[in-house]
Amino acid sequence: MELGMHLAFLSYEGGTAALAPTLAATARAAEDAGVARLTVMDHVWQIGGFGPPEEPMLEAYTALGFLAAHTSRVLLHTLVTGVVYRAPGLLAKQISTLDALSGGRAGLGIGAAWNEEESRGLGLDFPPIAERFERLEEALQICLQMWSDDDGPYEGRHYQLARTLNSPQNLSRPRPYILIGGGGEKKTLRLVAQYADACNLAIGDDAPHKFDVLKRHCDDVGRDFATVEKTASTRLTPETSRDELLANLDRARELGFSVVYVTPTYTDPLAAVDLIASVVDEVAAY
């Protein structure tokens, strides 16, 4: 099993002035400890479960560029971008830029978006859910076209691009990693089977059922289910013991997950890295 670290809680000791040095130190320490991925949320306000909206939240792709400058090996992506927050052509360009400047370490985490409150708050588009899923599929198609040799036009229902030119192209081959977040059985998991390298689901009793649904979608599109990476997240609080963390990771492995993003809610994230570091080798042997 591979471990990632999801940097979703940013209420660090020292406030705003401490964000940059704390994130830089955390990223370096996590990479040195054997953490394989660093991810951030794509939100503009903090979300429930981590704190009130007024708590700190960084813009995702600026933060990923900063993390790229302070690391050399980890995969970098969002968990996950809301499709309606950015025009797909610009999103594809942002990923390619991150990929080129990080030495081929960028990925695309994407979903249909859900946070209407922050969207309305900052004036971001937030159409009805059916349209958001239509836009999600078109965005995936646009990214794949822009990350290929085809720089021709794209004509979709919601997006029209006159020329999908993308230079410089990605260093990642054949293209950046694509993860789709969410467990919707009719739409989300179908899009995973058709377009993505990975899904991201909850560690729960319904995971085997979700995998069965995903396998049926894979069969429908002629995809080998085994080629879809199964990822999940687990919360790490200051009260979580090493044994509890290992138990959560072991349960994820038993359910069929091969990647888990550990999400610390520490005001001192370096302390969380120490705990994660203590289990990396044991978990890698799963």
Protein backbone atom coordinates (compact mmCIF):
# COMPACT_ATOMS: atom_id res chain seq x y z
CA MET A 1 0.00 0.00 0.00
CA GLU A 2 1.15 3.51 -0.85
CA LEU A 3 0.60 6.49 1.43
CA GLY A 4 -0.17 10.06 0.49
CA MET A 5 -0.56 13.08 2.73
CA HIS A 6 -3.59 15.28 2.17
CA LEU A 7 -3.03 18.85 3.36
CA ALA A 8 -6.60 19.94 4.05
CA PHE A 9 -6.25 21.47 7.51
CA LEU A 10 -4.22 24.70 7.45
CA SER A 11 -4.90 26.27 10.86
CA TYR A 12 -1.25 26.08 11.86
CA GLU A 13 0.50 27.53 14.87
CA GLY A 14 1.71 31.00 13.99
CA GLY A 15 -1.13 31.94 11.65
CA THR A 16 -0.76 33.20 8.10
CA ALA A 17 2.91 34.10 8.46
CA ALA A 18 3.67 30.49 9.37
CA LEU A 19 1.87 28.92 6.42
CA ALA A 20 4.71 29.04 3.90
CA PRO A 21 7.55 27.81 6.14
CA THR A 22 5.33 25.18 7.77
CA LEU A 23 4.09 23.81 4.44
CA ALA A 24 7.61 23.75 3.01
CA ALA A 25 9.02 21.91 6.02
CA THR A 26 6.08 19.50 6.08
CA ALA A 27 6.40 18.69 2.39
CA ARG A 28 10.13 18.01 2.66
CA ALA A 29 9.72 15.89 5.79
CA ALA A 30 6.86 13.89 4.28
CA GLU A 31 8.84 13.14 1.13
CA ASP A 32 11.91 12.15 3.16
CA ALA A 33 9.69 9.85 5.25
CA GLY A 34 8.54 7.92 2.17
CA VAL A 35 5.17 9.56 1.58
CA ALA A 36 4.55 9.16 -2.16
CA ARG A 37 1.93 11.85 -2.80
CA LEU A 38 0.98 15.29 -1.56
CA THR A 39 -2.51 16.60 -2.23
CA VAL A 40 -4.54 19.68 -1.41
CA MET A 41 -8.23 20.49 -1.49
CA ASP A 42 -9.64 22.62 -4.27
CA HIS A 43 -11.77 24.87 -2.13
CA VAL A 44 -11.75 28.60 -1.53
CA TRP A 45 -13.21 28.38 1.98
CA GLN A 46 -12.55 25.77 4.66
CA ILE A 47 -15.15 23.01 4.69
CA GLY A 48 -17.17 21.36 7.41
CA GLY A 49 -15.37 18.63 9.29
CA PHE A 50 -12.15 20.65 9.29
CA GLY A 51 -13.44 23.95 10.60
CA PRO A 52 -15.72 26.90 9.87
CA PRO A 53 -15.51 28.66 6.48
CA GLU A 54 -13.46 31.45 8.02
CA GLU A 55 -10.50 29.15 8.75
CA PRO A 56 -7.52 29.28 6.33
CA MET A 57 -7.77 27.79 2.83
CA LEU A 58 -5.22 28.23 0.03
CA GLU A 59 -5.94 28.33 -3.69
CA ALA A 60 -5.12 24.85 -4.88
CA TYR A 61 -2.86 25.28 -7.90
CA THR A 62 -0.81 28.09 -6.38
CA ALA A 63 -0.28 25.81 -3.37
CA LEU A 64 0.71 22.85 -5.55
CA GLY A 65 3.26 24.99 -7.39
CA PHE A 66 4.72 26.00 -4.04
CA LEU A 67 4.88 22.37 -2.93
CA ALA A 68 6.55 21.39 -6.20
CA ALA A 69 9.35 23.86 -5.49
CA HIS A 70 10.04 22.24 -2.12
CA THR A 71 9.94 18.57 -3.19
CA SER A 72 11.52 16.42 -5.87
CA ARG A 73 9.73 13.04 -5.96
CA VAL A 74 6.14 13.15 -4.71
CA LEU A 75 3.12 13.13 -7.01
CA LEU A 76 1.15 16.38 -6.71
CA HIS A 77 -2.57 16.84 -7.34
CA THR A 78 -5.83 18.08 -5.89
CA LEU A 79 -8.26 15.89 -4.00
CA VAL A 80 -10.26 17.07 -5.89
CA THR A 81 -10.85 20.01 -8.26
CA GLY A 82 -14.45 21.09 -8.70
CA VAL A 83 -15.02 21.03 -12.44
CA VAL A 84 -16.97 24.29 -12.54
CA TYR A 85 -14.28 26.29 -10.73
CA ARG A 86 -12.09 26.66 -13.84
CA ALA A 87 -12.53 26.62 -17.60
CA PRO A 88 -11.28 23.17 -18.73
CA GLY A 89 -8.78 24.58 -21.20
CA LEU A 90 -7.19 26.63 -18.44
CA LEU A 91 -7.30 23.67 -16.05
CA ALA A 92 -5.49 21.45 -18.56
CA LYS A 93 -2.89 24.20 -18.99
CA GLN A 94 -2.45 24.54 -15.21
CA ILE A 95 -1.78 20.81 -14.88
CA SER A 96 0.67 20.87 -17.78
CA THR A 97 2.48 23.84 -16.27
CA LEU A 98 2.74 22.09 -12.92
CA ASP A 99 3.92 18.93 -14.66
CA ALA A 100 6.62 20.71 -16.66
CA LEU A 101 7.93 22.67 -13.68
CA SER A 102 7.82 19.73 -11.25
CA GLY A 103 9.66 17.32 -13.53
CA GLY A 104 6.61 15.25 -14.48
CA ARG A 105 4.93 14.96 -11.08
CA ALA A 106 1.51 16.51 -11.69
CA GLY A 107 -1.84 14.78 -11.64
CA LEU A 108 -5.44 15.81 -12.12
CA GLY A 109 -7.89 15.07 -9.33
CA ILE A 110 -11.37 16.13 -10.39
CA GLY A 111 -15.04 15.81 -9.51
CA ALA A 112 -18.44 17.33 -10.19
CA ALA A 113 -18.17 19.90 -7.32
CA TRP A 114 -20.55 20.10 -4.37
CA ASN A 115 -19.92 23.22 -2.28
CA GLU A 116 -22.64 25.63 -3.34
CA GLU A 117 -22.06 27.94 -0.36
CA GLU A 118 -18.50 28.89 -1.28
CA SER A 119 -19.37 29.02 -4.97
CA ARG A 120 -22.17 31.50 -4.40
CA GLY A 121 -20.02 33.36 -1.90
CA LEU A 122 -17.24 34.10 -4.40
CA GLY A 123 -19.40 34.27 -7.51
CA LEU A 124 -18.30 30.97 -9.04
CA ASP A 125 -20.60 29.14 -11.43
CA PHE A 126 -22.61 26.40 -9.77
CA PRO A 127 -25.14 24.93 -12.21
CA PRO A 128 -27.51 22.06 -11.32
CA ILE A 129 -25.94 18.67 -10.67
CA ALA A 130 -26.92 17.12 -14.01
CA GLU A 131 -25.14 19.92 -15.85
CA ARG A 132 -22.11 19.67 -13.57
CA PHE A 133 -21.71 16.02 -14.56
CA GLU A 134 -22.04 16.91 -18.24
CA ARG A 135 -19.35 19.52 -17.76
CA LEU A 136 -17.19 16.99 -15.90
CA GLU A 137 -17.20 14.60 -18.85
CA GLU A 138 -16.47 17.38 -21.31
CA ALA A 139 -13.63 18.66 -19.12
CA LEU A 140 -12.07 15.20 -19.08
CA GLN A 141 -12.35 14.97 -22.85
CA ILE A 142 -10.78 18.41 -23.25
CA CYS A 143 -7.87 17.55 -20.95
CA LEU A 144 -7.21 14.31 -22.79
CA GLN A 145 -7.30 16.09 -26.15
CA MET A 146 -5.00 18.86 -24.97
CA TRP A 147 -2.59 16.26 -23.59
CA SER A 148 -2.40 14.51 -26.96
CA ASP A 149 -1.10 15.36 -30.43
CA ASP A 150 -4.54 16.64 -31.45
CA ASP A 151 -4.67 20.44 -31.26
CA GLY A 152 -7.85 20.74 -33.25
CA PRO A 153 -11.11 22.28 -32.07
CA TYR A 154 -13.38 20.84 -29.40
CA GLU A 155 -17.14 21.22 -29.73
CA GLY A 156 -19.16 20.23 -26.71
CA ARG A 157 -22.52 21.18 -25.34
CA HIS A 158 -21.03 23.42 -22.66
CA TYR A 159 -17.50 24.12 -23.88
CA GLN A 160 -16.23 25.14 -27.29
CA LEU A 161 -12.48 25.48 -27.89
CA ALA A 162 -11.31 26.79 -31.26
CA ARG A 163 -7.83 25.23 -30.93
CA THR A 164 -6.63 22.91 -28.17
CA LEU A 165 -3.00 23.94 -28.45
CA ASN A 166 -0.95 23.07 -25.36
CA SER A 167 2.73 24.00 -25.36
CA PRO A 168 4.82 22.97 -23.56
CA GLN A 169 3.36 19.52 -23.37
CA ASN A 170 3.52 17.36 -20.26
CA LEU A 171 6.61 15.50 -19.18
CA SER A 172 4.37 12.76 -17.74
CA ARG A 173 3.81 9.97 -20.23
CA PRO A 174 1.48 9.11 -21.74
CA ARG A 175 -0.22 11.97 -19.85
CA PRO A 176 -0.75 13.17 -16.28
CA TYR A 177 -2.42 10.86 -13.78
CA ILE A 178 -6.21 11.29 -13.58
CA LEU A 179 -8.23 10.59 -10.43
CA ILE A 180 -11.99 11.11 -10.21
CA GLY A 181 -13.43 11.61 -6.74
CA GLY A 182 -16.84 10.38 -5.63
CA GLY A 183 -18.85 7.19 -5.46
CA GLY A 184 -21.91 7.94 -7.59
CA GLU A 185 -22.81 4.66 -9.22
CA LYS A 186 -24.49 5.80 -12.43
CA LYS A 187 -22.26 8.70 -13.46
CA THR A 188 -19.09 9.09 -11.40
CA LEU A 189 -17.95 5.48 -11.52
CA ARG A 190 -18.81 5.26 -15.22
CA LEU A 191 -16.52 8.24 -15.85
CA VAL A 192 -13.78 6.55 -13.80
CA ALA A 193 -14.02 3.44 -15.97
CA GLN A 194 -13.97 5.43 -19.19
CA TYR A 195 -11.42 8.16 -18.49
CA ALA A 196 -9.49 7.86 -15.23
CA ASP A 197 -6.53 6.05 -13.74
CA ALA A 198 -8.02 6.02 -10.25
CA CYS A 199 -11.14 6.36 -8.16
CA ASN A 200 -11.38 7.83 -4.68
CA LEU A 201 -13.95 6.27 -2.36
CA ALA A 202 -14.71 6.13 1.33
CA ILE A 203 -13.30 3.41 3.57
CA GLY A 204 -16.57 1.81 4.53
CA ASP A 205 -18.74 -1.28 4.39
CA ASP A 206 -20.13 -0.25 1.00
CA ALA A 207 -16.71 -0.18 -0.68
CA PRO A 208 -16.99 -3.76 -2.06
CA HIS A 209 -20.35 -2.86 -3.60
CA LYS A 210 -18.86 0.29 -5.17
CA PHE A 211 -16.03 -1.79 -6.60
CA ASP A 212 -18.56 -4.24 -8.07
CA VAL A 213 -20.36 -1.34 -9.75
CA LEU A 214 -17.08 0.02 -11.05
CA LYS A 215 -16.15 -3.40 -12.42
CA ARG A 216 -19.43 -3.57 -14.35
CA HIS A 217 -18.73 -0.15 -15.84
CA CYS A 218 -15.23 -1.33 -16.77
CA ASP A 219 -16.70 -4.40 -18.45
CA ASP A 220 -19.12 -2.19 -20.39
CA VAL A 221 -16.32 -0.04 -21.84
CA GLY A 222 -13.81 -2.88 -22.28
CA ARG A 223 -11.54 -1.76 -19.45
CA ASP A 224 -9.58 -4.10 -17.20
CA PHE A 225 -10.88 -3.38 -13.69
CA ALA A 226 -7.44 -4.19 -12.27
CA THR A 227 -5.97 -1.18 -14.08
CA VAL A 228 -8.08 1.23 -12.02
CA GLU A 229 -6.23 2.34 -8.90
CA LYS A 230 -8.43 2.27 -5.79
CA THR A 231 -7.71 5.15 -3.42
CA ALA A 232 -9.23 6.39 -0.18
CA SER A 233 -8.58 8.87 2.63
CA THR A 234 -8.35 8.55 6.40
CA ARG A 235 -8.37 11.26 9.05
CA LEU A 236 -5.45 11.60 11.47
CA THR A 237 -6.14 13.64 14.61
CA PRO A 238 -3.70 14.43 17.42
CA GLU A 239 -5.59 11.82 19.46
CA THR A 240 -5.09 9.04 16.86
CA SER A 241 -2.61 6.45 18.07
CA ARG A 242 -0.18 4.57 15.86
CA ASP A 243 -2.18 1.37 16.40
CA GLU A 244 -5.40 3.12 15.38
CA LEU A 245 -3.78 4.48 12.22
CA LEU A 246 -2.47 1.04 11.32
CA ALA A 247 -5.89 -0.48 11.95
CA ASN A 248 -7.51 2.03 9.58
CA LEU A 249 -4.90 1.35 6.92
CA ASP A 250 -5.22 -2.40 7.37
CA ARG A 251 -8.98 -2.17 6.93
CA ALA A 252 -8.48 -0.17 3.75
CA ARG A 253 -6.16 -2.85 2.42
CA GLU A 254 -8.65 -5.60 3.25
CA LEU A 255 -11.38 -3.70 1.40
CA GLY A 256 -9.21 -3.51 -1.71
CA PHE A 257 -7.62 -0.06 -1.57
CA SER A 258 -3.99 0.27 -2.63
CA VAL A 259 -3.48 3.99 -1.89
CA VAL A 260 -4.58 5.92 1.20
CA TYR A 261 -4.26 9.67 1.65
CA VAL A 262 -3.70 10.41 5.34
CA THR A 263 -5.31 13.71 6.31
CA PRO A 264 -3.88 15.27 9.48
CA THR A 265 -5.80 17.81 11.54
CA TYR A 266 -2.76 19.02 13.48
CA THR A 267 -1.81 22.60 14.25
CA ASP A 268 1.77 21.26 14.01
CA PRO A 269 1.75 19.06 10.89
CA LEU A 270 5.36 17.98 11.39
CA ALA A 271 4.15 15.95 14.36
CA ALA A 272 1.74 14.19 12.00
CA VAL A 273 4.60 13.44 9.61
CA ASP A 274 6.48 11.75 12.47
CA LEU A 275 3.53 9.43 13.08
CA ILE A 276 3.05 8.68 9.39
CA ALA A 277 6.79 8.02 9.04
CA SER A 278 6.57 5.39 11.76
CA VAL A 279 4.18 3.26 9.68
CA VAL A 280 5.38 3.83 6.09
CA ASP A 281 7.64 0.78 5.86
CA GLU A 282 5.12 -1.50 7.56
CA VAL A 283 2.31 -0.35 5.26
CA ALA A 284 4.48 -0.68 2.14
CA ALA A 285 4.82 -4.37 2.90
CA TYR A 286 1.04 -4.95 2.74
